[in-house]
Amino acid sequence: SRVFAMTSAGSHRVVPNYGPVSAAKAALESHIRQLALELAPYGVCVNGIQAGVTDTPALRKIPGHETFIKVGLQRHPQGRLTTTQDVAGAIAALCDPRTAWITGTVITVDGGEDVVG
């Protein structure tokens, strides 16, 4: 079995006007590690998915989302935002039985966006 939680670079990066979400994402990542430990005896893998800037209805609810999109496009090494298909592909790959040893971690799915800063 698998459990996935969506997190963001805001969990470890200071982003203007994102403080409450940053705190929640940092706490969520801690909870991912704790759940991985507690659910391991039951064969459950627990991981976080840190997607890059993805233009979704949820993003558009964040004040200043236009800046996220603009900056994300400017700094992205591949010249595009993360798509929901990118994220779904990573989750599907992590559901493969060959990845059963991956648990308690955050997988970054952003095409290199976070390393650029």
C-alpha atoms as a PDB file:
ATOM      1  CA  SER A   1       0.000   0.000   0.000  1.00  0.00           C
ATOM      2  CA  ARG A   2       1.048   3.583  -0.563  1.00  0.00           C
ATOM      3  CA  VAL A   3       0.249   6.931   1.043  1.00  0.00           C
ATOM      4  CA  PHE A   4       1.230  10.178  -0.684  1.00  0.00           C
ATOM      5  CA  ALA A   5       1.099  13.733   0.623  1.00  0.00           C
ATOM      6  CA  MET A   6       1.563  16.850  -1.493  1.00  0.00           C
ATOM      7  CA  THR A   7       4.128  19.333  -0.241  1.00  0.00           C
ATOM      8  CA  SER A   8       6.042  22.240  -1.761  1.00  0.00           C
ATOM      9  CA  ALA A   9       9.389  24.023  -1.763  1.00  0.00           C
ATOM     10  CA  GLY A  10       7.765  26.420   0.684  1.00  0.00           C
ATOM     11  CA  SER A  11       8.423  23.806   3.367  1.00  0.00           C
ATOM     12  CA  HIS A  12      12.114  24.778   3.352  1.00  0.00           C
ATOM     13  CA  ARG A  13      12.245  28.035   1.365  1.00  0.00           C
ATOM     14  CA  VAL A  14      11.073  31.469   2.488  1.00  0.00           C
ATOM     15  CA  VAL A  15       8.333  32.702   0.167  1.00  0.00           C
ATOM     16  CA  PRO A  16       6.605  36.078   0.676  1.00  0.00           C
ATOM     17  CA  ASN A  17       2.956  35.797   1.795  1.00  0.00           C
ATOM     18  CA  TYR A  18       3.242  32.004   2.116  1.00  0.00           C
ATOM     19  CA  GLY A  19       4.033  31.751   5.837  1.00  0.00           C
ATOM     20  CA  PRO A  20       1.025  29.737   7.057  1.00  0.00           C
ATOM     21  CA  VAL A  21       1.329  27.300   4.156  1.00  0.00           C
ATOM     22  CA  SER A  22       5.104  27.000   4.685  1.00  0.00           C
ATOM     23  CA  ALA A  23       4.583  26.046   8.315  1.00  0.00           C
ATOM     24  CA  ALA A  24       1.902  23.527   7.387  1.00  0.00           C
ATOM     25  CA  LYS A  25       4.075  21.949   4.674  1.00  0.00           C
ATOM     26  CA  ALA A  26       7.061  21.643   7.038  1.00  0.00           C
ATOM     27  CA  ALA A  27       4.827  19.938   9.606  1.00  0.00           C
ATOM     28  CA  LEU A  28       3.399  17.677   6.904  1.00  0.00           C
ATOM     29  CA  GLU A  29       6.892  16.532   5.903  1.00  0.00           C
ATOM     30  CA  SER A  30       7.634  15.645   9.514  1.00  0.00           C
ATOM     31  CA  HIS A  31       4.380  13.712   9.662  1.00  0.00           C
ATOM     32  CA  ILE A  32       5.354  11.816   6.485  1.00  0.00           C
ATOM     33  CA  ARG A  33       8.497  10.550   8.208  1.00  0.00           C
ATOM     34  CA  GLN A  34       6.570   9.605  11.342  1.00  0.00           C
ATOM     35  CA  LEU A  35       3.867   7.764   9.422  1.00  0.00           C
ATOM     36  CA  ALA A  36       6.488   5.913   7.380  1.00  0.00           C
ATOM     37  CA  LEU A  37       7.922   4.551  10.611  1.00  0.00           C
ATOM     38  CA  GLU A  38       4.576   3.682  12.163  1.00  0.00           C
ATOM     39  CA  LEU A  39       3.054   2.084   9.056  1.00  0.00           C
ATOM     40  CA  ALA A  40       6.123   0.156   7.888  1.00  0.00           C
ATOM     41  CA  PRO A  41       5.220  -2.994   9.841  1.00  0.00           C
ATOM     42  CA  TYR A  42       1.995  -3.107   7.809  1.00  0.00           C
ATOM     43  CA  GLY A  43       3.799  -2.847   4.470  1.00  0.00           C
ATOM     44  CA  VAL A  44       2.681   0.717   3.854  1.00  0.00           C
ATOM     45  CA  CYS A  45       5.074   3.178   2.194  1.00  0.00           C
ATOM     46  CA  VAL A  46       4.515   6.853   2.954  1.00  0.00           C
ATOM     47  CA  ASN A  47       6.120   9.582   0.835  1.00  0.00           C
ATOM     48  CA  GLY A  48       5.726  13.229   0.048  1.00  0.00           C
ATOM     49  CA  ILE A  49       5.589  14.668  -3.442  1.00  0.00           C
ATOM     50  CA  GLN A  50       7.103  18.130  -3.784  1.00  0.00           C
ATOM     51  CA  ALA A  51       5.778  19.366  -7.102  1.00  0.00           C
ATOM     52  CA  GLY A  52       7.186  22.412  -8.802  1.00  0.00           C
ATOM     53  CA  VAL A  53       4.963  25.368  -9.642  1.00  0.00           C
ATOM     54  CA  THR A  54       1.910  23.771 -11.241  1.00  0.00           C
ATOM     55  CA  ASP A  55      -0.839  25.944 -12.700  1.00  0.00           C
ATOM     56  CA  THR A  56      -3.900  24.455 -11.009  1.00  0.00           C
ATOM     57  CA  PRO A  57      -7.066  25.853  -9.419  1.00  0.00           C
ATOM     58  CA  ALA A  58      -5.367  25.434  -6.005  1.00  0.00           C
ATOM     59  CA  LEU A  59      -2.419  27.613  -7.087  1.00  0.00           C
ATOM     60  CA  ARG A  60      -4.792  30.298  -8.331  1.00  0.00           C
ATOM     61  CA  LYS A  61      -6.248  30.627  -4.813  1.00  0.00           C
ATOM     62  CA  ILE A  62      -2.891  31.766  -3.419  1.00  0.00           C
ATOM     63  CA  PRO A  63      -2.543  35.558  -3.274  1.00  0.00           C
ATOM     64  CA  GLY A  64       0.108  36.618  -5.786  1.00  0.00           C
ATOM     65  CA  HIS A  65      -0.081  33.368  -7.745  1.00  0.00           C
ATOM     66  CA  GLU A  66       0.712  35.286 -10.918  1.00  0.00           C
ATOM     67  CA  THR A  67       4.192  35.950  -9.517  1.00  0.00           C
ATOM     68  CA  PHE A  68       4.688  32.236  -8.765  1.00  0.00           C
ATOM     69  CA  ILE A  69       3.902  31.429 -12.393  1.00  0.00           C
ATOM     70  CA  LYS A  70       6.046  34.220 -13.833  1.00  0.00           C
ATOM     71  CA  VAL A  71       9.078  33.476 -11.662  1.00  0.00           C
ATOM     72  CA  GLY A  72       8.652  29.732 -12.117  1.00  0.00           C
ATOM     73  CA  LEU A  73       8.780  30.099 -15.882  1.00  0.00           C
ATOM     74  CA  GLN A  74      11.766  32.468 -15.753  1.00  0.00           C
ATOM     75  CA  ARG A  75      13.949  30.303 -13.552  1.00  0.00           C
ATOM     76  CA  HIS A  76      12.936  26.859 -14.728  1.00  0.00           C
ATOM     77  CA  PRO A  77      15.809  25.055 -16.483  1.00  0.00           C
ATOM     78  CA  GLN A  78      13.411  23.343 -18.890  1.00  0.00           C
ATOM     79  CA  GLY A  79      11.419  26.498 -19.641  1.00  0.00           C
ATOM     80  CA  ARG A  80       8.010  25.262 -18.514  1.00  0.00           C
ATOM     81  CA  LEU A  81       6.006  24.702 -15.366  1.00  0.00           C
ATOM     82  CA  THR A  82       5.411  21.315 -13.794  1.00  0.00           C
ATOM     83  CA  THR A  83       2.222  19.682 -15.087  1.00  0.00           C
ATOM     84  CA  THR A  84      -0.276  17.487 -13.332  1.00  0.00           C
ATOM     85  CA  GLN A  85       0.841  14.736 -15.723  1.00  0.00           C
ATOM     86  CA  ASP A  86       4.425  15.071 -14.435  1.00  0.00           C
ATOM     87  CA  VAL A  87       3.192  14.585 -10.883  1.00  0.00           C
ATOM     88  CA  ALA A  88       0.874  11.715 -11.791  1.00  0.00           C
ATOM     89  CA  GLY A  89       3.738   9.953 -13.575  1.00  0.00           C
ATOM     90  CA  ALA A  90       5.924  10.141 -10.486  1.00  0.00           C
ATOM     91  CA  ILE A  91       3.146   8.833  -8.266  1.00  0.00           C
ATOM     92  CA  ALA A  92       2.443   5.983 -10.687  1.00  0.00           C
ATOM     93  CA  ALA A  93       6.142   5.072 -10.706  1.00  0.00           C
ATOM     94  CA  LEU A  94       6.207   5.048  -6.901  1.00  0.00           C
ATOM     95  CA  CYS A  95       3.280   2.617  -6.906  1.00  0.00           C
ATOM     96  CA  ASP A  96       5.375   0.062  -8.773  1.00  0.00           C
ATOM     97  CA  PRO A  97       6.332  -2.852  -6.470  1.00  0.00           C
ATOM     98  CA  ARG A  98      10.004  -2.281  -7.360  1.00  0.00           C
ATOM     99  CA  THR A  99       9.893   0.987  -5.384  1.00  0.00           C
ATOM    100  CA  ALA A 100       8.657  -0.624  -2.157  1.00  0.00           C
ATOM    101  CA  TRP A 101      11.919   0.318  -0.403  1.00  0.00           C
ATOM    102  CA  ILE A 102      11.288   4.042  -0.910  1.00  0.00           C
ATOM    103  CA  THR A 103       9.472   5.388   2.134  1.00  0.00           C
ATOM    104  CA  GLY A 104       9.644   8.303   4.555  1.00  0.00           C
ATOM    105  CA  THR A 105      11.023  10.757   2.051  1.00  0.00           C
ATOM    106  CA  VAL A 106       9.994  13.661  -0.138  1.00  0.00           C
ATOM    107  CA  ILE A 107      10.359  13.170  -3.878  1.00  0.00           C
ATOM    108  CA  THR A 108      10.857  16.385  -5.825  1.00  0.00           C
ATOM    109  CA  VAL A 109       8.971  16.477  -9.118  1.00  0.00           C
ATOM    110  CA  ASP A 110       9.890  19.821 -10.622  1.00  0.00           C
ATOM    111  CA  GLY A 111      12.292  19.312 -13.531  1.00  0.00           C
ATOM    112  CA  GLY A 112      15.098  20.981 -11.567  1.00  0.00           C
ATOM    113  CA  GLU A 113      13.211  24.120 -10.527  1.00  0.00           C
ATOM    114  CA  ASP A 114      14.113  23.924  -6.838  1.00  0.00           C
ATOM    115  CA  VAL A 115      17.852  23.475  -7.423  1.00  0.00           C
ATOM    116  CA  VAL A 116      17.912  26.693  -9.429  1.00  0.00           C
ATOM    117  CA  GLY A 117      16.319  28.512  -6.514  1.00  0.00           C
END
